[in-house]
């Protein structure tokens, strides 16, 4: 499982993109976002870039523990359905109500 770290912002984009691509090359298919505390719209672009890179390799990746703010940004940009998110218990509870 690839740990995306604490921050997915414009300042972190080059590092985060490179680390995610290395994780894909190493065979990681689950990207854990549980520790992400700081993010901006670049985070959505990073998830999409990682996903494109995975598909180019013929694999599917899943995003685990999507922060609510990142989910909101993805929804705002209309790309929620493009992201393979592993539902958490909290997310499943929210979906029922």
Protein backbone atom coordinates (compact mmCIF):
# COMPACT_ATOMS: atom_id res chain seq x y z
CA UNK A 1 0.00 0.00 0.00
CA UNK A 2 1.36 3.41 -1.00
CA UNK A 3 1.12 6.10 1.71
CA UNK A 4 0.47 9.43 -0.03
CA UNK A 5 1.88 11.37 2.93
CA UNK A 6 0.69 14.46 4.76
CA UNK A 7 0.35 16.99 1.98
CA UNK A 8 -0.89 17.01 -1.61
CA UNK A 9 -0.53 20.64 -2.63
CA UNK A 10 1.01 22.57 -5.51
CA UNK A 11 4.31 22.68 -3.62
CA UNK A 12 4.28 18.90 -3.13
CA UNK A 13 3.09 17.91 -6.60
CA UNK A 14 6.45 17.00 -8.22
CA UNK A 15 7.53 14.89 -5.23
CA UNK A 16 4.13 13.27 -4.76
CA UNK A 17 3.75 12.45 -8.45
CA UNK A 18 7.21 10.86 -8.60
CA UNK A 19 6.65 8.84 -5.41
CA UNK A 20 3.29 7.59 -6.67
CA UNK A 21 4.78 6.59 -10.01
CA UNK A 22 7.59 4.70 -8.23
CA UNK A 23 4.96 2.93 -6.13
CA UNK A 24 3.12 1.89 -9.29
CA UNK A 25 6.35 0.57 -10.78
CA UNK A 26 6.86 -1.44 -7.59
CA UNK A 27 3.43 -3.02 -8.03
CA UNK A 28 1.40 -1.02 -5.52
CA UNK A 29 -2.29 -0.81 -6.43
CA UNK A 30 -3.79 0.73 -3.28
CA UNK A 31 -3.01 4.37 -2.53
CA UNK A 32 -3.75 5.29 1.10
CA UNK A 33 -4.72 8.92 1.70
CA UNK A 34 -5.41 8.58 5.45
CA UNK A 35 -2.56 10.85 6.55
CA UNK A 36 -3.26 13.68 4.08
CA UNK A 37 -3.84 16.84 6.12
CA UNK A 38 -3.12 19.55 3.55
CA UNK A 39 -4.45 19.55 0.02
CA UNK A 40 -5.57 21.81 -2.77
CA UNK A 41 -6.98 21.29 -6.25
CA UNK A 42 -3.66 19.78 -7.34
CA UNK A 43 -4.55 16.71 -5.25
CA UNK A 44 -7.33 15.86 -7.71
CA UNK A 45 -4.89 16.20 -10.61
CA UNK A 46 -2.41 13.91 -8.82
CA UNK A 47 -5.01 11.18 -8.29
CA UNK A 48 -6.00 11.38 -11.95
CA UNK A 49 -2.35 11.32 -13.07
CA UNK A 50 -1.61 8.26 -10.92
CA UNK A 51 -4.71 6.57 -12.27
CA UNK A 52 -3.76 7.35 -15.90
CA UNK A 53 -0.27 5.97 -15.30
CA UNK A 54 -1.71 2.81 -13.76
CA UNK A 55 -4.06 2.25 -16.67
CA UNK A 56 -1.18 2.77 -19.10
CA UNK A 57 0.51 -0.15 -17.29
CA UNK A 58 -2.66 -2.23 -17.54
CA UNK A 59 -3.52 -2.10 -13.84
CA UNK A 60 -6.23 -0.45 -11.77
CA UNK A 61 -5.44 1.43 -8.59
CA UNK A 62 -7.78 2.17 -5.71
CA UNK A 63 -7.73 5.14 -3.36
CA UNK A 64 -8.32 4.38 0.32
CA UNK A 65 -9.30 6.87 3.07
CA UNK A 66 -10.17 9.72 0.71
CA UNK A 67 -10.25 12.91 2.83
CA UNK A 68 -13.70 14.58 2.76
CA UNK A 69 -12.20 17.80 1.35
CA UNK A 70 -10.66 15.86 -1.52
CA UNK A 71 -13.94 14.09 -2.17
CA UNK A 72 -15.66 17.48 -2.29
CA UNK A 73 -13.12 18.82 -4.78
CA UNK A 74 -13.51 15.75 -6.99
CA UNK A 75 -17.28 16.22 -6.89
CA UNK A 76 -16.96 19.93 -7.68
CA UNK A 77 -14.82 19.14 -10.73
CA UNK A 78 -17.14 16.33 -11.83
CA UNK A 79 -14.53 13.58 -11.65
CA UNK A 80 -15.80 11.54 -8.70
CA UNK A 81 -16.86 8.66 -10.94
CA UNK A 82 -13.42 8.57 -12.54
CA UNK A 83 -11.70 7.79 -9.23
CA UNK A 84 -11.71 4.26 -7.86
CA UNK A 85 -12.30 4.88 -4.16
CA UNK A 86 -12.45 2.11 -1.58
CA UNK A 87 -15.47 2.98 0.60
CA UNK A 88 -14.84 3.30 4.32
CA UNK A 89 -17.40 2.44 7.00
CA UNK A 90 -18.02 6.17 7.53
CA UNK A 91 -18.55 6.72 3.78
CA UNK A 92 -20.95 3.77 3.57
CA UNK A 93 -22.95 5.13 6.53
CA UNK A 94 -23.17 8.54 4.85
CA UNK A 95 -24.33 6.95 1.57
CA UNK A 96 -27.24 5.21 3.35
CA UNK A 97 -28.69 8.49 4.67
